[in-house]
Amino acid sequence: MREDGKPGSPGRRVVRTREGHGMVEAVMRGAADKGLTRAKDARIAGRVSSALIAEAKARTGLMSDTELVEFALATVALQDDFAKAFRKTKGSVDPDLDLGF
């Protein structure tokens, strides 16, 4: 999706979902913005449960296996480390500090 919200543009692929899932579009836009989806120079293969594929497609609205795998990989690649950072700060605030509640 282009920056103006219209489909297509050079170097950007439009991911089509059955129901226009915003989460999928946001993840794929983030991956594109980081340059993670430019080159199609690798191949991945594996055997997985057809029930898993069907459920993932139903939840994401994606129609192709390739888009589903790309979305799954982009989700992992872009995930933040909030939980890790949150745990790392445990005990760093003085217990005597008045937080007002």
PDB file of N, CA and C in Angstrom:
ATOM      1  N   MET A   1       0.843  -1.163   0.000  1.00  0.00           N
ATOM      2  CA  MET A   1       0.000   0.000   0.000  1.00  0.00           C
ATOM      3  C   MET A   1       0.898   1.238   0.000  1.00  0.00           C
ATOM      4  N   ARG A   2       0.564   2.215  -0.794  1.00  0.00           N
ATOM      5  CA  ARG A   2       1.359   3.436  -0.868  1.00  0.00           C
ATOM      6  C   ARG A   2       1.117   4.279   0.369  1.00  0.00           C
ATOM      7  N   GLU A   3       1.975   5.272   0.553  1.00  0.00           N
ATOM      8  CA  GLU A   3       1.832   6.150   1.710  1.00  0.00           C
ATOM      9  C   GLU A   3       0.510   6.915   1.678  1.00  0.00           C
ATOM     10  N   ASP A   4      -0.031   7.144   0.473  1.00  0.00           N
ATOM     11  CA  ASP A   4      -1.303   7.852   0.376  1.00  0.00           C
ATOM     12  C   ASP A   4      -2.498   6.928   0.592  1.00  0.00           C
ATOM     13  N   GLY A   5      -2.200   5.644   0.933  1.00  0.00           N
ATOM     14  CA  GLY A   5      -3.267   4.699   1.245  1.00  0.00           C
ATOM     15  C   GLY A   5      -3.840   3.979   0.041  1.00  0.00           C
ATOM     16  N   LYS A   6      -3.347   4.301  -1.157  1.00  0.00           N
ATOM     17  CA  LYS A   6      -3.846   3.636  -2.359  1.00  0.00           C
ATOM     18  C   LYS A   6      -3.000   2.407  -2.659  1.00  0.00           C
ATOM     19  N   PRO A   7      -3.612   1.387  -3.256  1.00  0.00           N
ATOM     20  CA  PRO A   7      -2.861   0.170  -3.545  1.00  0.00           C
ATOM     21  C   PRO A   7      -1.719   0.408  -4.521  1.00  0.00           C
ATOM     22  N   GLY A   8      -0.649  -0.376  -4.314  1.00  0.00           N
ATOM     23  CA  GLY A   8       0.454  -0.425  -5.256  1.00  0.00           C
ATOM     24  C   GLY A   8       1.425   0.729  -5.176  1.00  0.00           C
ATOM     25  N   SER A   9       2.566   0.527  -5.724  1.00  0.00           N
ATOM     26  CA  SER A   9       3.613   1.515  -5.937  1.00  0.00           C
ATOM     27  C   SER A   9       4.887   0.744  -6.170  1.00  0.00           C
ATOM     28  N   PRO A  10       5.853   1.361  -6.825  1.00  0.00           N
ATOM     29  CA  PRO A  10       7.091   0.632  -7.101  1.00  0.00           C
ATOM     30  C   PRO A  10       7.742   0.123  -5.819  1.00  0.00           C
ATOM     31  N   GLY A  11       8.159  -1.146  -5.843  1.00  0.00           N
ATOM     32  CA  GLY A  11       8.848  -1.725  -4.700  1.00  0.00           C
ATOM     33  C   GLY A  11       7.942  -2.163  -3.566  1.00  0.00           C
ATOM     34  N   ARG A  12       6.678  -1.937  -3.691  1.00  0.00           N
ATOM     35  CA  ARG A  12       5.755  -2.346  -2.632  1.00  0.00           C
ATOM     36  C   ARG A  12       4.683  -3.243  -3.205  1.00  0.00           C
ATOM     37  N   ARG A  13       4.469  -4.351  -2.521  1.00  0.00           N
ATOM     38  CA  ARG A  13       3.452  -5.304  -2.917  1.00  0.00           C
ATOM     39  C   ARG A  13       2.232  -5.090  -2.042  1.00  0.00           C
ATOM     40  N   VAL A  14       1.074  -5.208  -2.606  1.00  0.00           N
ATOM     41  CA  VAL A  14      -0.153  -5.089  -1.840  1.00  0.00           C
ATOM     42  C   VAL A  14      -0.555  -6.477  -1.372  1.00  0.00           C
ATOM     43  N   VAL A  15      -0.702  -6.653  -0.074  1.00  0.00           N
ATOM     44  CA  VAL A  15      -1.161  -7.925   0.474  1.00  0.00           C
ATOM     45  C   VAL A  15      -2.681  -7.873   0.515  1.00  0.00           C
ATOM     46  N   ARG A  16      -3.287  -8.806  -0.149  1.00  0.00           N
ATOM     47  CA  ARG A  16      -4.752  -8.809  -0.212  1.00  0.00           C
ATOM     48  C   ARG A  16      -5.311  -9.819   0.788  1.00  0.00           C
ATOM     49  N   THR A  17      -6.206  -9.340   1.611  1.00  0.00           N
ATOM     50  CA  THR A  17      -6.873 -10.219   2.562  1.00  0.00           C
ATOM     51  C   THR A  17      -8.358 -10.256   2.228  1.00  0.00           C
ATOM     52  N   ARG A  18      -9.005 -11.305   2.674  1.00  0.00           N
ATOM     53  CA  ARG A  18     -10.443 -11.428   2.410  1.00  0.00           C
ATOM     54  C   ARG A  18     -11.233 -10.305   3.058  1.00  0.00           C
ATOM     55  N   GLU A  19     -10.844  -9.927   4.255  1.00  0.00           N
ATOM     56  CA  GLU A  19     -11.640  -8.964   5.009  1.00  0.00           C
ATOM     57  C   GLU A  19     -10.884  -7.689   5.338  1.00  0.00           C
ATOM     58  N   GLY A  20      -9.746  -7.459   4.708  1.00  0.00           N
ATOM     59  CA  GLY A  20      -8.983  -6.246   4.941  1.00  0.00           C
ATOM     60  C   GLY A  20      -8.504  -6.109   6.371  1.00  0.00           C
ATOM     61  N   HIS A  21      -7.893  -7.146   6.916  1.00  0.00           N
ATOM     62  CA  HIS A  21      -7.419  -7.137   8.295  1.00  0.00           C
ATOM     63  C   HIS A  21      -6.332  -6.085   8.487  1.00  0.00           C
ATOM     64  N   GLY A  22      -6.597  -5.117   9.346  1.00  0.00           N
ATOM     65  CA  GLY A  22      -5.656  -4.037   9.598  1.00  0.00           C
ATOM     66  C   GLY A  22      -4.341  -4.497  10.187  1.00  0.00           C
ATOM     67  N   MET A  23      -4.378  -5.521  11.035  1.00  0.00           N
ATOM     68  CA  MET A  23      -3.150  -6.012  11.653  1.00  0.00           C
ATOM     69  C   MET A  23      -2.183  -6.535  10.598  1.00  0.00           C
ATOM     70  N   VAL A  24      -2.682  -7.300   9.643  1.00  0.00           N
ATOM     71  CA  VAL A  24      -1.842  -7.846   8.588  1.00  0.00           C
ATOM     72  C   VAL A  24      -1.245  -6.703   7.779  1.00  0.00           C
ATOM     73  N   GLU A  25      -2.077  -5.757   7.414  1.00  0.00           N
ATOM     74  CA  GLU A  25      -1.607  -4.633   6.619  1.00  0.00           C
ATOM     75  C   GLU A  25      -0.562  -3.819   7.374  1.00  0.00           C
ATOM     76  N   ALA A  26      -0.759  -3.610   8.664  1.00  0.00           N
ATOM     77  CA  ALA A  26       0.198  -2.838   9.463  1.00  0.00           C
ATOM     78  C   ALA A  26       1.538  -3.562   9.578  1.00  0.00           C
ATOM     79  N   VAL A  27       1.501  -4.864   9.820  1.00  0.00           N
ATOM     80  CA  VAL A  27       2.743  -5.638   9.936  1.00  0.00           C
ATOM     81  C   VAL A  27       3.493  -5.620   8.613  1.00  0.00           C
ATOM     82  N   MET A  28       2.789  -5.848   7.524  1.00  0.00           N
ATOM     83  CA  MET A  28       3.450  -5.897   6.225  1.00  0.00           C
ATOM     84  C   MET A  28       3.963  -4.517   5.810  1.00  0.00           C
ATOM     85  N   ARG A  29       3.262  -3.458   6.189  1.00  0.00           N
ATOM     86  CA  ARG A  29       3.739  -2.102   5.915  1.00  0.00           C
ATOM     87  C   ARG A  29       5.017  -1.842   6.710  1.00  0.00           C
ATOM     88  N   GLY A  30       5.035  -2.276   7.965  1.00  0.00           N
ATOM     89  CA  GLY A  30       6.231  -2.129   8.791  1.00  0.00           C
ATOM     90  C   GLY A  30       7.411  -2.893   8.230  1.00  0.00           C
ATOM     91  N   ALA A  31       7.159  -4.099   7.753  1.00  0.00           N
ATOM     92  CA  ALA A  31       8.230  -4.901   7.149  1.00  0.00           C
ATOM     93  C   ALA A  31       8.744  -4.235   5.875  1.00  0.00           C
ATOM     94  N   ALA A  32       7.841  -3.703   5.079  1.00  0.00           N
ATOM     95  CA  ALA A  32       8.243  -3.013   3.847  1.00  0.00           C
ATOM     96  C   ALA A  32       9.042  -1.758   4.176  1.00  0.00           C
ATOM     97  N   ASP A  33       8.604  -1.014   5.186  1.00  0.00           N
ATOM     98  CA  ASP A  33       9.305   0.212   5.581  1.00  0.00           C
ATOM     99  C   ASP A  33      10.730  -0.075   6.034  1.00  0.00           C
ATOM    100  N   LYS A  34      10.951  -1.241   6.614  1.00  0.00           N
ATOM    101  CA  LYS A  34      12.298  -1.635   7.045  1.00  0.00           C
ATOM    102  C   LYS A  34      13.086  -2.316   5.930  1.00  0.00           C
ATOM    103  N   GLY A  35      12.472  -2.433   4.759  1.00  0.00           N
ATOM    104  CA  GLY A  35      13.152  -3.046   3.624  1.00  0.00           C
ATOM    105  C   GLY A  35      13.214  -4.561   3.682  1.00  0.00           C
ATOM    106  N   LEU A  36      12.391  -5.165   4.521  1.00  0.00           N
ATOM    107  CA  LEU A  36      12.449  -6.614   4.706  1.00  0.00           C
ATOM    108  C   LEU A  36      11.746  -7.411   3.617  1.00  0.00           C
ATOM    109  N   THR A  37      10.949  -6.741   2.793  1.00  0.00           N
ATOM    110  CA  THR A  37      10.180  -7.479   1.783  1.00  0.00           C
ATOM    111  C   THR A  37      10.588  -7.137   0.354  1.00  0.00           C
ATOM    112  N   ARG A  38      11.651  -6.358   0.188  1.00  0.00           N
ATOM    113  CA  ARG A  38      12.069  -5.936  -1.161  1.00  0.00           C
ATOM    114  C   ARG A  38      12.483  -7.114  -2.033  1.00  0.00           C
ATOM    115  N   ALA A  39      13.515  -7.808  -1.635  1.00  0.00           N
ATOM    116  CA  ALA A  39      14.051  -8.901  -2.450  1.00  0.00           C
ATOM    117  C   ALA A  39      13.299 -10.196  -2.172  1.00  0.00           C
ATOM    118  N   LYS A  40      13.030 -10.904  -3.206  1.00  0.00           N
ATOM    119  CA  LYS A  40      12.442 -12.241  -3.074  1.00  0.00           C
ATOM    120  C   LYS A  40      13.530 -13.215  -3.497  1.00  0.00           C
ATOM    121  N   ASP A  41      14.549 -13.359  -2.642  1.00  0.00           N
ATOM    122  CA  ASP A  41      15.735 -14.119  -3.021  1.00  0.00           C
ATOM    123  C   ASP A  41      15.975 -15.355  -2.165  1.00  0.00           C
ATOM    124  N   ALA A  42      14.984 -15.763  -1.402  1.00  0.00           N
ATOM    125  CA  ALA A  42      15.129 -16.958  -0.572  1.00  0.00           C
ATOM    126  C   ALA A  42      13.861 -17.800  -0.688  1.00  0.00           C
ATOM    127  N   ARG A  43      14.018 -19.046  -0.371  1.00  0.00           N
ATOM    128  CA  ARG A  43      12.886 -19.974  -0.435  1.00  0.00           C
ATOM    129  C   ARG A  43      12.821 -20.704   0.905  1.00  0.00           C
ATOM    130  N   ILE A  44      11.603 -20.984   1.344  1.00  0.00           N
ATOM    131  CA  ILE A  44      11.406 -21.708   2.593  1.00  0.00           C
ATOM    132  C   ILE A  44      10.355 -22.790   2.341  1.00  0.00           C
ATOM    133  N   ALA A  45      10.551 -23.926   2.941  1.00  0.00           N
ATOM    134  CA  ALA A  45       9.597 -25.021   2.772  1.00  0.00           C
ATOM    135  C   ALA A  45       9.502 -25.799   4.079  1.00  0.00           C
ATOM    136  N   GLY A  46       8.376 -26.386   4.303  1.00  0.00           N
ATOM    137  CA  GLY A  46       8.196 -27.194   5.495  1.00  0.00           C
ATOM    138  C   GLY A  46       6.840 -27.863   5.472  1.00  0.00           C
ATOM    139  N   ARG A  47       6.697 -28.853   6.279  1.00  0.00           N
ATOM    140  CA  ARG A  47       5.429 -29.556   6.376  1.00  0.00           C
ATOM    141  C   ARG A  47       4.759 -29.131   7.677  1.00  0.00           C
ATOM    142  N   VAL A  48       3.537 -28.679   7.562  1.00  0.00           N
ATOM    143  CA  VAL A  48       2.771 -28.250   8.730  1.00  0.00           C
ATOM    144  C   VAL A  48       1.344 -28.769   8.611  1.00  0.00           C
ATOM    145  N   SER A  49       0.639 -28.716   9.687  1.00  0.00           N
ATOM    146  CA  SER A  49      -0.737 -29.181   9.748  1.00  0.00           C
ATOM    147  C   SER A  49      -1.649 -28.330   8.867  1.00  0.00           C
ATOM    148  N   SER A  50      -2.485 -28.983   8.085  1.00  0.00           N
ATOM    149  CA  SER A  50      -3.443 -28.248   7.251  1.00  0.00           C
ATOM    150  C   SER A  50      -4.442 -27.492   8.121  1.00  0.00           C
ATOM    151  N   ALA A  51      -4.739 -28.030   9.309  1.00  0.00           N
ATOM    152  CA  ALA A  51      -5.645 -27.333  10.225  1.00  0.00           C
ATOM    153  C   ALA A  51      -5.009 -26.024  10.716  1.00  0.00           C
ATOM    154  N   LEU A  52      -3.703 -26.052  10.966  1.00  0.00           N
ATOM    155  CA  LEU A  52      -2.990 -24.849  11.386  1.00  0.00           C
ATOM    156  C   LEU A  52      -3.023 -23.791  10.283  1.00  0.00           C
ATOM    157  N   ILE A  53      -2.792 -24.208   9.062  1.00  0.00           N
ATOM    158  CA  ILE A  53      -2.831 -23.277   7.930  1.00  0.00           C
ATOM    159  C   ILE A  53      -4.229 -22.688   7.776  1.00  0.00           C
ATOM    160  N   ALA A  54      -5.240 -23.527   7.828  1.00  0.00           N
ATOM    161  CA  ALA A  54      -6.622 -23.065   7.666  1.00  0.00           C
ATOM    162  C   ALA A  54      -7.008 -22.063   8.746  1.00  0.00           C
ATOM    163  N   GLU A  55      -6.642 -22.354   9.987  1.00  0.00           N
ATOM    164  CA  GLU A  55      -6.976 -21.445  11.088  1.00  0.00           C
ATOM    165  C   GLU A  55      -6.238 -20.122  10.953  1.00  0.00           C
ATOM    166  N   ALA A  56      -4.948 -20.179  10.584  1.00  0.00           N
ATOM    167  CA  ALA A  56      -4.160 -18.958  10.411  1.00  0.00           C
ATOM    168  C   ALA A  56      -4.715 -18.104   9.274  1.00  0.00           C
ATOM    169  N   LYS A  57      -5.107 -18.749   8.181  1.00  0.00           N
ATOM    170  CA  LYS A  57      -5.702 -18.005   7.073  1.00  0.00           C
ATOM    171  C   LYS A  57      -7.030 -17.382   7.482  1.00  0.00           C
ATOM    172  N   ALA A  58      -7.821 -18.127   8.235  1.00  0.00           N
ATOM    173  CA  ALA A  58      -9.114 -17.603   8.688  1.00  0.00           C
ATOM    174  C   ALA A  58      -8.926 -16.396   9.603  1.00  0.00           C
ATOM    175  N   ARG A  59      -7.947 -16.473  10.489  1.00  0.00           N
ATOM    176  CA  ARG A  59      -7.710 -15.369  11.431  1.00  0.00           C
ATOM    177  C   ARG A  59      -7.101 -14.144  10.770  1.00  0.00           C
ATOM    178  N   THR A  60      -6.257 -14.358   9.763  1.00  0.00           N
ATOM    179  CA  THR A  60      -5.585 -13.228   9.120  1.00  0.00           C
ATOM    180  C   THR A  60      -6.328 -12.714   7.899  1.00  0.00           C
ATOM    181  N   GLY A  61      -7.151 -13.571   7.293  1.00  0.00           N
ATOM    182  CA  GLY A  61      -7.819 -13.205   6.051  1.00  0.00           C
ATOM    183  C   GLY A  61      -6.942 -13.379   4.835  1.00  0.00           C
ATOM    184  N   LEU A  62      -5.715 -13.865   5.031  1.00  0.00           N
ATOM    185  CA  LEU A  62      -4.813 -14.082   3.902  1.00  0.00           C
ATOM    186  C   LEU A  62      -5.277 -15.274   3.096  1.00  0.00           C
ATOM    187  N   MET A  63      -5.026 -15.217   1.791  1.00  0.00           N
ATOM    188  CA  MET A  63      -5.518 -16.269   0.919  1.00  0.00           C
ATOM    189  C   MET A  63      -4.424 -17.199   0.407  1.00  0.00           C
ATOM    190  N   SER A  64      -3.189 -16.743   0.370  1.00  0.00           N
ATOM    191  CA  SER A  64      -2.134 -17.597  -0.184  1.00  0.00           C
ATOM    192  C   SER A  64      -1.174 -18.062   0.903  1.00  0.00           C
ATOM    193  N   ASP A  65      -0.610 -19.240   0.690  1.00  0.00           N
ATOM    194  CA  ASP A  65       0.370 -19.775   1.628  1.00  0.00           C
ATOM    195  C   ASP A  65       1.593 -18.865   1.710  1.00  0.00           C
ATOM    196  N   THR A  66       2.036 -18.349   0.571  1.00  0.00           N
ATOM    197  CA  THR A  66       3.209 -17.486   0.537  1.00  0.00           C
ATOM    198  C   THR A  66       2.991 -16.236   1.380  1.00  0.00           C
ATOM    199  N   GLU A  67       1.849 -15.591   1.224  1.00  0.00           N
ATOM    200  CA  GLU A  67       1.557 -14.388   2.019  1.00  0.00           C
ATOM    201  C   GLU A  67       1.457 -14.721   3.500  1.00  0.00           C
ATOM    202  N   LEU A  68       0.905 -15.892   3.817  1.00  0.00           N
ATOM    203  CA  LEU A  68       0.786 -16.306   5.209  1.00  0.00           C
ATOM    204  C   LEU A  68       2.164 -16.500   5.837  1.00  0.00           C
ATOM    205  N   VAL A  69       3.060 -17.171   5.130  1.00  0.00           N
ATOM    206  CA  VAL A  69       4.417 -17.389   5.637  1.00  0.00           C
ATOM    207  C   VAL A  69       5.140 -16.051   5.769  1.00  0.00           C
ATOM    208  N   GLU A  70       4.999 -15.176   4.782  1.00  0.00           N
ATOM    209  CA  GLU A  70       5.650 -13.868   4.824  1.00  0.00           C
ATOM    210  C   GLU A  70       5.136 -13.048   6.012  1.00  0.00           C
ATOM    211  N   PHE A  71       3.829 -13.078   6.255  1.00  0.00           N
ATOM    212  CA  PHE A  71       3.251 -12.364   7.384  1.00  0.00           C
ATOM    213  C   PHE A  71       3.763 -12.936   8.711  1.00  0.00           C
ATOM    214  N   ALA A  72       3.805 -14.256   8.812  1.00  0.00           N
ATOM    215  CA  ALA A  72       4.283 -14.892  10.049  1.00  0.00           C
ATOM    216  C   ALA A  72       5.734 -14.508  10.327  1.00  0.00           C
ATOM    217  N   LEU A  73       6.574 -14.547   9.303  1.00  0.00           N
ATOM    218  CA  LEU A  73       7.986 -14.178   9.481  1.00  0.00           C
ATOM    219  C   LEU A  73       8.135 -12.698   9.816  1.00  0.00           C
ATOM    220  N   ALA A  74       7.352 -11.850   9.159  1.00  0.00           N
ATOM    221  CA  ALA A  74       7.407 -10.413   9.445  1.00  0.00           C
ATOM    222  C   ALA A  74       6.958 -10.129  10.871  1.00  0.00           C
ATOM    223  N   THR A  75       5.959 -10.854  11.349  1.00  0.00           N
ATOM    224  CA  THR A  75       5.481 -10.678  12.717  1.00  0.00           C
ATOM    225  C   THR A  75       6.594 -10.975  13.717  1.00  0.00           C
ATOM    226  N   VAL A  76       7.327 -12.041  13.489  1.00  0.00           N
ATOM    227  CA  VAL A  76       8.448 -12.396  14.371  1.00  0.00           C
ATOM    228  C   VAL A  76       9.572 -11.372  14.248  1.00  0.00           C
ATOM    229  N   ALA A  77       9.887 -10.980  13.023  1.00  0.00           N
ATOM    230  CA  ALA A  77      10.994 -10.053  12.788  1.00  0.00           C
ATOM    231  C   ALA A  77      10.733  -8.674  13.391  1.00  0.00           C
ATOM    232  N   LEU A  78       9.474  -8.261  13.446  1.00  0.00           N
ATOM    233  CA  LEU A  78       9.142  -6.920  13.919  1.00  0.00           C
ATOM    234  C   LEU A  78       8.692  -6.852  15.370  1.00  0.00           C
ATOM    235  N   GLN A  79       8.544  -8.004  16.015  1.00  0.00           N
ATOM    236  CA  GLN A  79       8.005  -7.964  17.376  1.00  0.00           C
ATOM    237  C   GLN A  79       8.919  -7.157  18.302  1.00  0.00           C
ATOM    238  N   ASP A  80       8.285  -6.428  19.176  1.00  0.00           N
ATOM    239  CA  ASP A  80       9.087  -5.624  20.105  1.00  0.00           C
ATOM    240  C   ASP A  80       9.518  -6.478  21.288  1.00  0.00           C
ATOM    241  N   ASP A  81      10.425  -5.965  22.036  1.00  0.00           N
ATOM    242  CA  ASP A  81      10.937  -6.692  23.198  1.00  0.00           C
ATOM    243  C   ASP A  81      10.421  -6.083  24.496  1.00  0.00           C
ATOM    244  N   PHE A  82       9.148  -5.638  24.482  1.00  0.00           N
ATOM    245  CA  PHE A  82       8.593  -4.969  25.651  1.00  0.00           C
ATOM    246  C   PHE A  82       8.674  -5.847  26.899  1.00  0.00           C
ATOM    247  N   ALA A  83       8.255  -7.090  26.794  1.00  0.00           N
ATOM    248  CA  ALA A  83       8.249  -7.967  27.968  1.00  0.00           C
ATOM    249  C   ALA A  83       9.659  -8.152  28.521  1.00  0.00           C
ATOM    250  N   LYS A  84      10.603  -8.344  27.637  1.00  0.00           N
ATOM    251  CA  LYS A  84      11.995  -8.513  28.046  1.00  0.00           C
ATOM    252  C   LYS A  84      12.512  -7.240  28.735  1.00  0.00           C
ATOM    253  N   ALA A  85      12.236  -6.089  28.144  1.00  0.00           N
ATOM    254  CA  ALA A  85      12.672  -4.818  28.723  1.00  0.00           C
ATOM    255  C   ALA A  85      11.973  -4.567  30.060  1.00  0.00           C
ATOM    256  N   PHE A  86      10.691  -4.925  30.146  1.00  0.00           N
ATOM    257  CA  PHE A  86       9.925  -4.734  31.376  1.00  0.00           C
ATOM    258  C   PHE A  86      10.524  -5.571  32.508  1.00  0.00           C
ATOM    259  N   ARG A  87      10.833  -6.837  32.214  1.00  0.00           N
ATOM    260  CA  ARG A  87      11.439  -7.706  33.231  1.00  0.00           C
ATOM    261  C   ARG A  87      12.810  -7.182  33.657  1.00  0.00           C
ATOM    262  N   LYS A  88      13.546  -6.647  32.712  1.00  0.00           N
ATOM    263  CA  LYS A  88      14.896  -6.153  32.986  1.00  0.00           C
ATOM    264  C   LYS A  88      14.882  -4.978  33.986  1.00  0.00           C
ATOM    265  N   THR A  89      13.800  -4.201  33.987  1.00  0.00           N
ATOM    266  CA  THR A  89      13.719  -3.040  34.882  1.00  0.00           C
ATOM    267  C   THR A  89      13.153  -3.386  36.258  1.00  0.00           C
ATOM    268  N   LYS A  90      12.752  -4.648  36.453  1.00  0.00           N
ATOM    269  CA  LYS A  90      12.172  -5.060  37.736  1.00  0.00           C
ATOM    270  C   LYS A  90      13.128  -4.728  38.883  1.00  0.00           C
ATOM    271  N   GLY A  91      12.581  -4.058  39.890  1.00  0.00           N
ATOM    272  CA  GLY A  91      13.356  -3.711  41.068  1.00  0.00           C
ATOM    273  C   GLY A  91      14.222  -2.476  40.903  1.00  0.00           C
ATOM    274  N   SER A  92      14.084  -1.773  39.790  1.00  0.00           N
ATOM    275  CA  SER A  92      14.939  -0.607  39.577  1.00  0.00           C
ATOM    276  C   SER A  92      14.346   0.686  40.132  1.00  0.00           C
ATOM    277  N   VAL A  93      13.101   0.647  40.547  1.00  0.00           N
ATOM    278  CA  VAL A  93      12.473   1.826  41.148  1.00  0.00           C
ATOM    279  C   VAL A  93      12.553   1.686  42.666  1.00  0.00           C
ATOM    280  N   ASP A  94      13.004   2.737  43.298  1.00  0.00           N
ATOM    281  CA  ASP A  94      13.130   2.750  44.760  1.00  0.00           C
ATOM    282  C   ASP A  94      11.777   2.445  45.388  1.00  0.00           C
ATOM    283  N   PRO A  95      11.669   1.415  46.232  1.00  0.00           N
ATOM    284  CA  PRO A  95      10.383   1.050  46.836  1.00  0.00           C
ATOM    285  C   PRO A  95       9.819   2.141  47.740  1.00  0.00           C
ATOM    286  N   ASP A  96      10.641   3.066  48.181  1.00  0.00           N
ATOM    287  CA  ASP A  96      10.166   4.157  49.038  1.00  0.00           C
ATOM    288  C   ASP A  96       9.701   5.366  48.243  1.00  0.00           C
ATOM    289  N   LEU A  97       9.800   5.324  46.947  1.00  0.00           N
ATOM    290  CA  LEU A  97       9.375   6.434  46.081  1.00  0.00           C
ATOM    291  C   LEU A  97       7.862   6.562  46.124  1.00  0.00           C
ATOM    292  N   ASP A  98       7.378   7.771  46.402  1.00  0.00           N
ATOM    293  CA  ASP A  98       5.929   8.019  46.447  1.00  0.00           C
ATOM    294  C   ASP A  98       5.433   8.224  45.033  1.00  0.00           C
ATOM    295  N   LEU A  99       4.677   7.260  44.520  1.00  0.00           N
ATOM    296  CA  LEU A  99       4.124   7.333  43.174  1.00  0.00           C
ATOM    297  C   LEU A  99       2.742   7.972  43.146  1.00  0.00           C
ATOM    298  N   GLY A 100       2.229   8.352  44.282  1.00  0.00           N
ATOM    299  CA  GLY A 100       0.963   9.068  44.322  1.00  0.00           C
ATOM    300  C   GLY A 100      -0.271   8.203  44.297  1.00  0.00           C
ATOM    301  N   PHE A 101      -0.118   6.915  44.493  1.00  0.00           N
ATOM    302  CA  PHE A 101      -1.323   6.059  44.576  1.00  0.00           C
ATOM    303  C   PHE A 101      -1.130   4.992  45.601  1.00  0.00           C
TER     304      PHE A 101
END
